[in-house]
C-alpha atoms as a PDB file:
ATOM      1  CA  UNK A   1      -3.958  10.702 -13.374  1.00  0.00           C
ATOM      2  CA  UNK A   2      -0.335  10.967 -12.687  1.00  0.00           C
ATOM      3  CA  UNK A   3       0.270  13.601 -14.986  1.00  0.00           C
ATOM      4  CA  UNK A   4       3.572  14.400 -12.794  1.00  0.00           C
ATOM      5  CA  UNK A   5       5.070  11.078 -13.854  1.00  0.00           C
ATOM      6  CA  UNK A   6       4.208  11.600 -17.559  1.00  0.00           C
ATOM      7  CA  UNK A   7       5.842  15.226 -17.274  1.00  0.00           C
ATOM      8  CA  UNK A   8       8.893  13.652 -15.995  1.00  0.00           C
ATOM      9  CA  UNK A   9       9.249  10.759 -18.322  1.00  0.00           C
ATOM     10  CA  UNK A  10       8.597  13.191 -21.623  1.00  0.00           C
ATOM     11  CA  UNK A  11      10.916  16.379 -20.235  1.00  0.00           C
ATOM     12  CA  UNK A  12      13.888  14.162 -18.744  1.00  0.00           C
ATOM     13  CA  UNK A  13      16.119  14.612 -21.739  1.00  0.00           C
ATOM     14  CA  UNK A  14      15.585  18.211 -22.041  1.00  0.00           C
ATOM     15  CA  UNK A  15      15.984  19.061 -18.290  1.00  0.00           C
ATOM     16  CA  UNK A  16      19.029  16.626 -18.328  1.00  0.00           C
ATOM     17  CA  UNK A  17      20.942  18.922 -21.121  1.00  0.00           C
ATOM     18  CA  UNK A  18      19.906  21.925 -18.774  1.00  0.00           C
ATOM     19  CA  UNK A  19      21.523  20.348 -15.749  1.00  0.00           C
ATOM     20  CA  UNK A  20      24.452  19.269 -17.767  1.00  0.00           C
ATOM     21  CA  UNK A  21      25.184  22.392 -19.627  1.00  0.00           C
ATOM     22  CA  UNK A  22      25.011  24.287 -16.250  1.00  0.00           C
ATOM     23  CA  UNK A  23      28.022  22.381 -14.730  1.00  0.00           C
ATOM     24  CA  UNK A  24      29.757  22.020 -18.324  1.00  0.00           C
ATOM     25  CA  UNK A  25      29.993  26.021 -18.196  1.00  0.00           C
ATOM     26  CA  UNK A  26      31.665  25.964 -15.133  1.00  0.00           C
ATOM     27  CA  UNK A  27      33.877  23.299 -15.622  1.00  0.00           C
ATOM     28  CA  UNK A  28      35.247  24.874 -19.012  1.00  0.00           C
ATOM     29  CA  UNK A  29      35.592  27.871 -16.792  1.00  0.00           C
ATOM     30  CA  UNK A  30      37.898  25.736 -14.322  1.00  0.00           C
ATOM     31  CA  UNK A  31      39.761  24.457 -17.448  1.00  0.00           C
ATOM     32  CA  UNK A  32      40.650  27.378 -18.747  1.00  0.00           C
ATOM     33  CA  UNK A  33      41.844  28.913 -15.358  1.00  0.00           C
ATOM     34  CA  UNK A  34      43.952  26.050 -14.715  1.00  0.00           C
ATOM     35  CA  UNK A  35      45.642  26.358 -18.190  1.00  0.00           C
ATOM     36  CA  UNK A  36      46.541  30.023 -17.525  1.00  0.00           C
ATOM     37  CA  UNK A  37      47.776  29.265 -14.346  1.00  0.00           C
ATOM     38  CA  UNK A  38      50.034  25.986 -15.554  1.00  0.00           C
ATOM     39  CA  UNK A  39      51.115  28.113 -18.559  1.00  0.00           C
ATOM     40  CA  UNK A  40      52.088  31.004 -16.337  1.00  0.00           C
ATOM     41  CA  UNK A  41      54.018  28.842 -13.678  1.00  0.00           C
ATOM     42  CA  UNK A  42      55.700  27.056 -16.329  1.00  0.00           C
ATOM     43  CA  UNK A  43      57.040  29.952 -18.344  1.00  0.00           C
ATOM     44  CA  UNK A  44      57.810  32.745 -15.729  1.00  0.00           C
ATOM     45  CA  UNK A  45      58.543  30.313 -12.247  1.00  0.00           C
ATOM     46  CA  UNK A  46      56.921  32.868 -10.339  1.00  0.00           C
ATOM     47  CA  UNK A  47      54.894  32.376  -7.236  1.00  0.00           C
ATOM     48  CA  UNK A  48      54.917  28.674  -7.712  1.00  0.00           C
ATOM     49  CA  UNK A  49      53.786  27.956  -4.383  1.00  0.00           C
ATOM     50  CA  UNK A  50      50.751  30.280  -4.479  1.00  0.00           C
ATOM     51  CA  UNK A  51      50.177  28.828  -8.264  1.00  0.00           C
ATOM     52  CA  UNK A  52      50.292  25.309  -7.205  1.00  0.00           C
ATOM     53  CA  UNK A  53      47.797  26.056  -4.078  1.00  0.00           C
ATOM     54  CA  UNK A  54      45.172  27.784  -6.619  1.00  0.00           C
ATOM     55  CA  UNK A  55      45.703  24.624  -9.260  1.00  0.00           C
ATOM     56  CA  UNK A  56      44.816  22.189  -6.156  1.00  0.00           C
ATOM     57  CA  UNK A  57      41.821  24.362  -5.441  1.00  0.00           C
ATOM     58  CA  UNK A  58      40.329  24.792  -8.829  1.00  0.00           C
ATOM     59  CA  UNK A  59      41.155  21.176  -9.641  1.00  0.00           C
ATOM     60  CA  UNK A  60      39.500  20.434  -6.407  1.00  0.00           C
ATOM     61  CA  UNK A  61      36.223  22.558  -7.509  1.00  0.00           C
ATOM     62  CA  UNK A  62      36.281  20.678 -10.978  1.00  0.00           C
ATOM     63  CA  UNK A  63      36.162  17.159  -9.651  1.00  0.00           C
ATOM     64  CA  UNK A  64      33.354  18.374  -7.341  1.00  0.00           C
ATOM     65  CA  UNK A  65      31.390  19.886  -9.961  1.00  0.00           C
ATOM     66  CA  UNK A  66      32.030  16.925 -12.451  1.00  0.00           C
ATOM     67  CA  UNK A  67      30.585  14.477  -9.556  1.00  0.00           C
ATOM     68  CA  UNK A  68      27.705  16.927  -9.211  1.00  0.00           C
ATOM     69  CA  UNK A  69      27.033  16.560 -12.646  1.00  0.00           C
ATOM     70  CA  UNK A  70      26.672  12.906 -12.617  1.00  0.00           C
ATOM     71  CA  UNK A  71      24.028  12.795  -9.961  1.00  0.00           C
ATOM     72  CA  UNK A  72      21.277  13.745 -12.133  1.00  0.00           C
ATOM     73  CA  UNK A  73      19.402  10.710 -12.092  1.00  0.00           C
ATOM     74  CA  UNK A  74      19.107  10.674  -8.399  1.00  0.00           C
ATOM     75  CA  UNK A  75      18.218  14.198  -8.075  1.00  0.00           C
ATOM     76  CA  UNK A  76      15.648  13.957 -10.913  1.00  0.00           C
ATOM     77  CA  UNK A  77      13.790  11.239  -9.121  1.00  0.00           C
ATOM     78  CA  UNK A  78      14.217  13.283  -5.991  1.00  0.00           C
ATOM     79  CA  UNK A  79      11.946  15.718  -7.321  1.00  0.00           C
ATOM     80  CA  UNK A  80       9.349  13.356  -9.186  1.00  0.00           C
ATOM     81  CA  UNK A  81       9.102  11.616  -5.675  1.00  0.00           C
ATOM     82  CA  UNK A  82       8.508  14.919  -4.035  1.00  0.00           C
ATOM     83  CA  UNK A  83       5.377  14.960  -6.569  1.00  0.00           C
ATOM     84  CA  UNK A  84       4.005  11.928  -5.966  1.00  0.00           C
ATOM     85  CA  UNK A  85       1.517  10.899  -5.178  1.00  0.00           C
ATOM     86  CA  UNK A  86       0.162  14.484  -5.024  1.00  0.00           C
ATOM     87  CA  UNK A  87       1.771  17.039  -7.275  1.00  0.00           C
ATOM     88  CA  UNK A  88       2.812  20.053  -4.981  1.00  0.00           C
ATOM     89  CA  UNK A  89       1.651  22.910  -6.448  1.00  0.00           C
ATOM     90  CA  UNK A  90       3.873  26.367  -5.522  1.00  0.00           C
ATOM     91  CA  UNK A  91       2.799  30.115  -5.490  1.00  0.00           C
ATOM     92  CA  UNK A  92       5.248  32.224  -7.910  1.00  0.00           C
ATOM     93  CA  UNK A  93       5.953  35.804  -7.397  1.00  0.00           C
ATOM     94  CA  UNK A  94       8.153  37.562 -10.400  1.00  0.00           C
ATOM     95  CA  UNK A  95      10.849  39.800  -9.902  1.00  0.00           C
ATOM     96  CA  UNK A  96      12.874  41.381 -12.380  1.00  0.00           C
ATOM     97  CA  UNK A  97      15.978  38.930 -12.626  1.00  0.00           C
ATOM     98  CA  UNK A  98      14.135  35.887 -10.448  1.00  0.00           C
ATOM     99  CA  UNK A  99      11.030  33.939 -10.083  1.00  0.00           C
ATOM    100  CA  UNK A 100      10.535  33.124  -6.112  1.00  0.00           C
ATOM    101  CA  UNK A 101       9.054  30.088  -4.981  1.00  0.00           C
ATOM    102  CA  UNK A 102       6.862  31.072  -1.773  1.00  0.00           C
ATOM    103  CA  UNK A 103       6.005  28.287   0.374  1.00  0.00           C
ATOM    104  CA  UNK A 104       5.383  28.527   4.155  1.00  0.00           C
ATOM    105  CA  UNK A 105       7.605  32.098   4.296  1.00  0.00           C
ATOM    106  CA  UNK A 106      10.172  30.209   2.636  1.00  0.00           C
ATOM    107  CA  UNK A 107      11.543  31.846  -0.372  1.00  0.00           C
ATOM    108  CA  UNK A 108      13.497  29.921  -3.103  1.00  0.00           C
ATOM    109  CA  UNK A 109      14.717  32.303  -5.816  1.00  0.00           C
ATOM    110  CA  UNK A 110      14.779  30.731  -9.662  1.00  0.00           C
ATOM    111  CA  UNK A 111      17.237  33.014 -12.007  1.00  0.00           C
ATOM    112  CA  UNK A 112      15.071  34.119 -15.126  1.00  0.00           C
ATOM    113  CA  UNK A 113      18.182  33.834 -17.369  1.00  0.00           C
ATOM    114  CA  UNK A 114      17.780  30.103 -18.892  1.00  0.00           C
ATOM    115  CA  UNK A 115      14.701  29.269 -16.970  1.00  0.00           C
ATOM    116  CA  UNK A 116      12.222  26.944 -18.916  1.00  0.00           C
ATOM    117  CA  UNK A 117       8.379  27.149 -18.534  1.00  0.00           C
ATOM    118  CA  UNK A 118       7.463  23.622 -19.578  1.00  0.00           C
ATOM    119  CA  UNK A 119       3.672  22.840 -20.542  1.00  0.00           C
ATOM    120  CA  UNK A 120       2.347  19.989 -18.198  1.00  0.00           C
ATOM    121  CA  UNK A 121      -0.024  17.314 -19.004  1.00  0.00           C
ATOM    122  CA  UNK A 122      -2.640  18.891 -16.796  1.00  0.00           C
ATOM    123  CA  UNK A 123      -3.280  21.965 -18.734  1.00  0.00           C
ATOM    124  CA  UNK A 124      -3.877  23.959 -15.801  1.00  0.00           C
ATOM    125  CA  UNK A 125      -0.403  23.776 -14.903  1.00  0.00           C
ATOM    126  CA  UNK A 126       3.008  24.422 -15.741  1.00  0.00           C
ATOM    127  CA  UNK A 127       6.471  23.006 -15.041  1.00  0.00           C
ATOM    128  CA  UNK A 128       9.055  25.659 -14.072  1.00  0.00           C
ATOM    129  CA  UNK A 129      12.643  24.294 -14.630  1.00  0.00           C
ATOM    130  CA  UNK A 130      15.756  26.680 -13.860  1.00  0.00           C
ATOM    131  CA  UNK A 131      18.358  26.986 -11.268  1.00  0.00           C
ATOM    132  CA  UNK A 132      18.735  28.581  -8.055  1.00  0.00           C
ATOM    133  CA  UNK A 133      19.932  32.288  -8.188  1.00  0.00           C
ATOM    134  CA  UNK A 134      21.990  31.987  -5.014  1.00  0.00           C
ATOM    135  CA  UNK A 135      25.590  32.154  -5.834  1.00  0.00           C
ATOM    136  CA  UNK A 136      26.442  29.236  -3.761  1.00  0.00           C
ATOM    137  CA  UNK A 137      23.649  26.643  -3.843  1.00  0.00           C
ATOM    138  CA  UNK A 138      24.409  22.768  -3.137  1.00  0.00           C
ATOM    139  CA  UNK A 139      21.129  21.932  -5.124  1.00  0.00           C
ATOM    140  CA  UNK A 140      21.088  24.594  -7.761  1.00  0.00           C
ATOM    141  CA  UNK A 141      18.354  22.564 -10.187  1.00  0.00           C
ATOM    142  CA  UNK A 142      14.895  23.766  -9.205  1.00  0.00           C
ATOM    143  CA  UNK A 143      11.565  22.092 -10.698  1.00  0.00           C
ATOM    144  CA  UNK A 144       8.271  23.127  -9.613  1.00  0.00           C
ATOM    145  CA  UNK A 145       4.609  23.331 -10.493  1.00  0.00           C
ATOM    146  CA  UNK A 146       2.430  26.251 -10.830  1.00  0.00           C
ATOM    147  CA  UNK A 147      -0.331  27.824 -12.265  1.00  0.00           C
ATOM    148  CA  UNK A 148       0.434  30.631 -14.618  1.00  0.00           C
ATOM    149  CA  UNK A 149      -3.038  32.142 -13.407  1.00  0.00           C
ATOM    150  CA  UNK A 150      -1.949  32.602  -9.937  1.00  0.00           C
ATOM    151  CA  UNK A 151       1.170  34.203 -10.893  1.00  0.00           C
ATOM    152  CA  UNK A 152       1.977  37.485  -9.040  1.00  0.00           C
ATOM    153  CA  UNK A 153       4.487  40.432  -9.273  1.00  0.00           C
ATOM    154  CA  UNK A 154       7.142  41.772  -6.401  1.00  0.00           C
ATOM    155  CA  UNK A 155       5.741  45.572  -5.847  1.00  0.00           C
ATOM    156  CA  UNK A 156       8.757  46.901  -7.245  1.00  0.00           C
ATOM    157  CA  UNK A 157       8.816  44.896 -10.141  1.00  0.00           C
ATOM    158  CA  UNK A 158       5.260  45.693 -11.092  1.00  0.00           C
ATOM    159  CA  UNK A 159       6.079  49.401 -10.660  1.00  0.00           C
ATOM    160  CA  UNK A 160       9.000  49.238 -12.750  1.00  0.00           C
ATOM    161  CA  UNK A 161       6.360  47.247 -15.611  1.00  0.00           C
ATOM    162  CA  UNK A 162       4.051  50.312 -15.402  1.00  0.00           C
ATOM    163  CA  UNK A 163       7.075  52.913 -15.714  1.00  0.00           C
ATOM    164  CA  UNK A 164       7.331  54.145 -12.346  1.00  0.00           C
ATOM    165  CA  UNK A 165      10.978  53.423 -11.887  1.00  0.00           C
ATOM    166  CA  UNK A 166      13.664  56.577 -12.833  1.00  0.00           C
ATOM    167  CA  UNK A 167      16.637  54.366 -13.112  1.00  0.00           C
ATOM    168  CA  UNK A 168      17.790  53.066 -16.196  1.00  0.00           C
ATOM    169  CA  UNK A 169      17.425  49.387 -16.823  1.00  0.00           C
ATOM    170  CA  UNK A 170      21.005  48.404 -17.368  1.00  0.00           C
ATOM    171  CA  UNK A 171      21.779  50.004 -13.990  1.00  0.00           C
ATOM    172  CA  UNK A 172      18.963  48.116 -12.069  1.00  0.00           C
ATOM    173  CA  UNK A 173      20.883  44.876 -12.111  1.00  0.00           C
ATOM    174  CA  UNK A 174      23.451  46.595  -9.605  1.00  0.00           C
ATOM    175  CA  UNK A 175      20.895  47.846  -7.169  1.00  0.00           C
ATOM    176  CA  UNK A 176      21.643  46.877  -3.619  1.00  0.00           C
ATOM    177  CA  UNK A 177      18.371  44.931  -3.161  1.00  0.00           C
ATOM    178  CA  UNK A 178      19.283  42.797  -6.260  1.00  0.00           C
ATOM    179  CA  UNK A 179      22.792  42.350  -5.172  1.00  0.00           C
ATOM    180  CA  UNK A 180      21.990  41.592  -1.739  1.00  0.00           C
ATOM    181  CA  UNK A 181      19.377  39.097  -2.800  1.00  0.00           C
ATOM    182  CA  UNK A 182      21.835  37.242  -5.188  1.00  0.00           C
ATOM    183  CA  UNK A 183      23.984  36.714  -2.186  1.00  0.00           C
ATOM    184  CA  UNK A 184      22.423  33.442  -1.073  1.00  0.00           C
ATOM    185  CA  UNK A 185      23.734  33.909   2.315  1.00  0.00           C
ATOM    186  CA  UNK A 186      26.088  36.864   3.860  1.00  0.00           C
ATOM    187  CA  UNK A 187      28.710  34.288   5.171  1.00  0.00           C
ATOM    188  CA  UNK A 188      29.155  32.597   1.936  1.00  0.00           C
ATOM    189  CA  UNK A 189      29.001  35.641  -0.256  1.00  0.00           C
ATOM    190  CA  UNK A 190      31.402  37.379   1.689  1.00  0.00           C
ATOM    191  CA  UNK A 191      33.791  34.659   1.743  1.00  0.00           C
ATOM    192  CA  UNK A 192      33.148  32.819  -1.666  1.00  0.00           C
ATOM    193  CA  UNK A 193      33.764  36.455  -3.354  1.00  0.00           C
ATOM    194  CA  UNK A 194      36.878  36.861  -1.800  1.00  0.00           C
ATOM    195  CA  UNK A 195      38.258  33.396  -2.794  1.00  0.00           C
ATOM    196  CA  UNK A 196      36.899  34.053  -6.357  1.00  0.00           C
ATOM    197  CA  UNK A 197      38.059  37.569  -6.897  1.00  0.00           C
ATOM    198  CA  UNK A 198      41.366  36.752  -5.543  1.00  0.00           C
ATOM    199  CA  UNK A 199      41.580  33.849  -8.258  1.00  0.00           C
ATOM    200  CA  UNK A 200      40.219  36.423 -10.734  1.00  0.00           C
ATOM    201  CA  UNK A 201      42.943  39.054  -9.932  1.00  0.00           C
ATOM    202  CA  UNK A 202      45.774  36.650 -10.312  1.00  0.00           C
ATOM    203  CA  UNK A 203      44.596  35.185 -13.805  1.00  0.00           C
ATOM    204  CA  UNK A 204      44.127  38.582 -15.274  1.00  0.00           C
ATOM    205  CA  UNK A 205      47.706  39.835 -13.978  1.00  0.00           C
ATOM    206  CA  UNK A 206      49.066  36.573 -15.580  1.00  0.00           C
ATOM    207  CA  UNK A 207      47.190  37.258 -18.764  1.00  0.00           C
ATOM    208  CA  UNK A 208      48.588  40.946 -18.620  1.00  0.00           C
ATOM    209  CA  UNK A 209      51.866  39.629 -18.327  1.00  0.00           C
ATOM    210  CA  UNK A 210      51.441  37.333 -21.304  1.00  0.00           C
ATOM    211  CA  UNK A 211      50.048  40.164 -23.491  1.00  0.00           C
ATOM    212  CA  UNK A 212      53.119  42.355 -22.378  1.00  0.00           C
ATOM    213  CA  UNK A 213      55.661  39.533 -23.562  1.00  0.00           C
ATOM    214  CA  UNK A 214      53.746  39.051 -26.833  1.00  0.00           C
ATOM    215  CA  UNK A 215      53.379  42.908 -27.550  1.00  0.00           C
END
Protein backbone atom coordinates (compact mmCIF):
# COMPACT_ATOMS: atom_id res chain seq x y z
CA UNK A 1 0.00 0.00 0.00
CA UNK A 2 1.32 3.42 -0.96
CA UNK A 3 0.47 5.03 2.36
CA UNK A 4 3.00 7.85 1.83
CA UNK A 5 1.16 8.99 -1.31
CA UNK A 6 -2.15 8.96 0.57
CA UNK A 7 -0.67 10.82 3.54
CA UNK A 8 0.95 13.50 1.41
CA UNK A 9 -2.25 14.06 -0.52
CA UNK A 10 -4.37 14.25 2.64
CA UNK A 11 -2.07 16.57 4.61
CA UNK A 12 -0.89 18.81 1.76
CA UNK A 13 -3.09 21.76 2.72
CA UNK A 14 -2.14 21.52 6.41
CA UNK A 15 1.59 21.42 5.68
CA UNK A 16 1.31 24.19 3.08
CA UNK A 17 -0.26 26.49 5.69
CA UNK A 18 2.54 25.68 8.15
CA UNK A 19 5.16 26.36 5.46
CA UNK A 20 3.63 29.67 4.39
CA UNK A 21 3.16 30.87 7.98
CA UNK A 22 6.84 30.17 8.63
CA UNK A 23 7.81 32.57 5.84
CA UNK A 24 5.02 35.11 6.42
CA UNK A 25 6.28 35.74 9.96
CA UNK A 26 9.73 36.53 8.63
CA UNK A 27 8.36 38.68 5.83
CA UNK A 28 6.33 40.72 8.32
CA UNK A 29 9.45 41.29 10.44
CA UNK A 30 11.31 42.48 7.34
CA UNK A 31 8.41 44.80 6.49
CA UNK A 32 8.33 46.34 9.97
CA UNK A 33 12.10 46.87 9.89
CA UNK A 34 11.85 48.61 6.51
CA UNK A 35 9.06 50.91 7.76
CA UNK A 36 11.14 51.94 10.79
CA UNK A 37 14.19 52.66 8.63
CA UNK A 38 12.17 54.59 6.06
CA UNK A 39 10.40 56.66 8.72
CA UNK A 40 13.62 57.51 10.54
CA UNK A 41 15.47 58.41 7.35
CA UNK A 42 12.59 60.56 6.11
CA UNK A 43 12.15 62.48 9.35
CA UNK A 44 15.68 62.89 10.68
CA UNK A 45 17.81 62.65 7.51
CA UNK A 46 20.50 61.00 9.63
CA UNK A 47 22.88 58.17 8.64
CA UNK A 48 21.25 58.07 5.21
CA UNK A 49 23.92 56.00 3.48
CA UNK A 50 23.94 53.35 6.23
CA UNK A 51 20.15 53.24 6.31
CA UNK A 52 19.92 52.85 2.54
CA UNK A 53 22.37 49.93 2.70
CA UNK A 54 20.35 48.31 5.48
CA UNK A 55 17.11 48.83 3.58
CA UNK A 56 18.57 47.23 0.46
CA UNK A 57 19.81 44.25 2.47
CA UNK A 58 16.47 43.79 4.23
CA UNK A 59 14.58 44.22 0.97
CA UNK A 60 16.83 41.60 -0.63
CA UNK A 61 16.17 39.25 2.27
CA UNK A 62 12.45 39.86 1.89
CA UNK A 63 12.58 39.00 -1.82
CA UNK A 64 14.55 35.84 -1.05
CA UNK A 65 12.03 34.77 1.61
CA UNK A 66 9.11 35.46 -0.73
CA UNK A 67 10.66 33.37 -3.50
CA UNK A 68 11.34 30.55 -1.04
CA UNK A 69 7.72 30.70 0.07
CA UNK A 70 6.64 30.06 -3.52
CA UNK A 71 8.71 26.87 -3.75
CA UNK A 72 6.39 24.77 -1.59
CA UNK A 73 5.05 22.53 -4.42
CA UNK A 74 8.50 21.40 -5.58
CA UNK A 75 9.82 20.98 -2.02
CA UNK A 76 6.73 18.97 -1.06
CA UNK A 77 7.08 16.73 -4.10
CA UNK A 78 10.76 16.18 -3.26
CA UNK A 79 9.81 14.88 0.20
CA UNK A 80 7.18 12.63 -1.39
CA UNK A 81 9.75 11.27 -3.86
CA UNK A 82 12.08 10.42 -0.95
CA UNK A 83 9.35 8.18 0.45
CA UNK A 84 8.47 6.35 -2.76
CA UNK A 85 8.40 3.53 -3.60
CA UNK A 86 9.72 2.70 -0.13
CA UNK A 87 8.93 4.89 2.87
CA UNK A 88 11.99 6.09 4.79
CA UNK A 89 11.55 5.38 8.51
CA UNK A 90 13.76 7.51 10.76
CA UNK A 91 15.04 7.20 14.30
CA UNK A 92 13.92 10.10 16.49
CA UNK A 93 15.60 11.24 19.69
CA UNK A 94 13.82 13.80 21.86
CA UNK A 95 15.63 16.67 23.57
CA UNK A 96 14.16 19.48 25.66
CA UNK A 97 13.69 21.90 22.78
CA UNK A 98 14.04 19.73 19.69
CA UNK A 99 13.59 16.35 18.05
CA UNK A 100 16.76 14.88 16.56
CA UNK A 101 16.47 12.87 13.36
CA UNK A 102 19.41 10.47 13.50
CA UNK A 103 20.46 8.68 10.30
CA UNK A 104 23.92 7.25 9.57
CA UNK A 105 25.69 9.55 12.05
CA UNK A 106 23.93 12.57 10.56
CA UNK A 107 21.66 14.54 12.87
CA UNK A 108 18.94 17.01 11.87
CA UNK A 109 17.31 18.98 14.68
CA UNK A 110 13.62 19.84 14.38
CA UNK A 111 12.36 22.64 16.59
CA UNK A 112 9.70 21.40 19.02
CA UNK A 113 7.88 24.70 18.75
CA UNK A 114 5.18 24.33 16.12
CA UNK A 115 5.93 20.69 15.31
CA UNK A 116 2.98 18.51 14.22
CA UNK A 117 2.66 14.75 14.60
CA UNK A 118 0.20 13.62 11.94
CA UNK A 119 -1.30 10.10 11.99
CA UNK A 120 -0.38 8.02 8.95
CA UNK A 121 -2.62 5.66 7.01
CA UNK A 122 -0.19 3.03 8.22
CA UNK A 123 -1.09 2.99 11.92
CA UNK A 124 2.40 1.86 12.89
CA UNK A 125 4.00 5.14 11.82
CA UNK A 126 3.60 8.86 12.42
CA UNK A 127 4.46 11.72 10.07
CA UNK A 128 6.36 14.44 11.91
CA UNK A 129 6.24 17.88 10.27
CA UNK A 130 8.29 20.78 11.58
CA UNK A 131 11.13 23.15 10.85
CA UNK A 132 14.86 22.89 11.32
CA UNK A 133 16.13 24.32 14.60
CA UNK A 134 19.27 25.66 12.95
CA UNK A 135 19.27 29.46 12.78
CA UNK A 136 20.35 29.31 9.14
CA UNK A 137 18.87 26.57 7.01
CA UNK A 138 18.27 26.64 3.27
CA UNK A 139 15.69 23.88 3.67
CA UNK A 140 13.86 24.57 6.93
CA UNK A 141 10.87 22.29 6.30
CA UNK A 142 11.30 18.75 7.61
CA UNK A 143 8.91 15.85 6.96
CA UNK A 144 9.88 12.50 8.45
CA UNK A 145 8.20 9.20 9.25
CA UNK A 146 8.96 7.46 12.52
CA UNK A 147 7.62 4.86 14.91
CA UNK A 148 6.50 6.47 18.18
CA UNK A 149 7.33 3.26 20.03
CA UNK A 150 10.97 3.65 18.96
CA UNK A 151 11.25 7.23 20.24
CA UNK A 152 14.27 7.66 22.52
CA UNK A 153 15.35 10.44 24.87
CA UNK A 154 18.65 12.29 24.95
CA UNK A 155 20.36 11.36 28.22
CA UNK A 156 20.40 14.80 29.88
CA UNK A 157 16.77 15.37 28.86
CA UNK A 158 15.80 11.99 30.31
CA UNK A 159 17.41 12.98 33.61
CA UNK A 160 15.61 16.33 33.57
CA UNK A 161 12.28 14.58 32.98
CA UNK A 162 13.00 12.45 36.04
CA UNK A 163 13.81 15.48 38.18
CA UNK A 164 17.61 15.23 38.21
CA UNK A 165 18.29 18.82 37.13
CA UNK A 166 18.76 21.68 39.59
CA UNK A 167 18.66 24.46 36.98
CA UNK A 168 15.27 26.28 36.80
CA UNK A 169 13.32 25.42 33.65
CA UNK A 170 13.17 29.01 32.38
CA UNK A 171 17.00 29.17 32.38
CA UNK A 172 17.57 25.89 30.55
CA UNK A 173 16.99 27.48 27.14
CA UNK A 174 20.10 29.60 27.72
CA UNK A 175 22.47 26.78 28.57
CA UNK A 176 25.62 26.57 26.46
CA UNK A 177 24.65 23.20 25.01
CA UNK A 178 21.28 24.46 23.79
CA UNK A 179 22.72 27.67 22.34
CA UNK A 180 25.50 25.77 20.56
CA UNK A 181 23.06 23.25 19.14
CA UNK A 182 20.82 26.01 17.84
CA UNK A 183 23.64 27.67 15.95
CA UNK A 184 23.60 25.35 12.94
CA UNK A 185 27.31 25.90 12.31
CA UNK A 186 29.75 28.24 14.02
CA UNK A 187 30.60 30.46 11.05
CA UNK A 188 27.03 31.21 9.96
CA UNK A 189 26.01 31.66 13.59
CA UNK A 190 28.67 34.29 14.32
CA UNK A 191 28.40 36.20 11.04
CA UNK A 192 24.62 36.02 10.92
CA UNK A 193 24.16 37.15 14.49
CA UNK A 194 26.56 40.06 14.14
CA UNK A 195 24.50 41.26 11.18
CA UNK A 196 21.15 40.69 12.90
CA UNK A 197 22.28 42.21 16.18
CA UNK A 198 23.60 45.26 14.36
CA UNK A 199 20.25 45.75 12.60
CA UNK A 200 18.39 45.19 15.87
CA UNK A 201 20.61 47.76 17.60
CA UNK A 202 19.89 50.35 14.89
CA UNK A 203 16.15 49.67 14.97
CA UNK A 204 15.96 49.95 18.76
CA UNK A 205 17.98 53.14 18.64
CA UNK A 206 15.62 54.63 16.05
CA UNK A 207 12.56 53.56 18.03
CA UNK A 208 14.02 55.18 21.13
CA UNK A 209 14.53 58.39 19.15
CA UNK A 210 10.86 58.32 18.09
CA UNK A 211 9.74 57.78 21.68
CA UNK A 212 11.86 60.69 22.91
CA UNK A 213 10.40 62.89 20.18
CA UNK A 214 6.80 62.16 21.18
CA UNK A 215 7.26 61.95 24.93
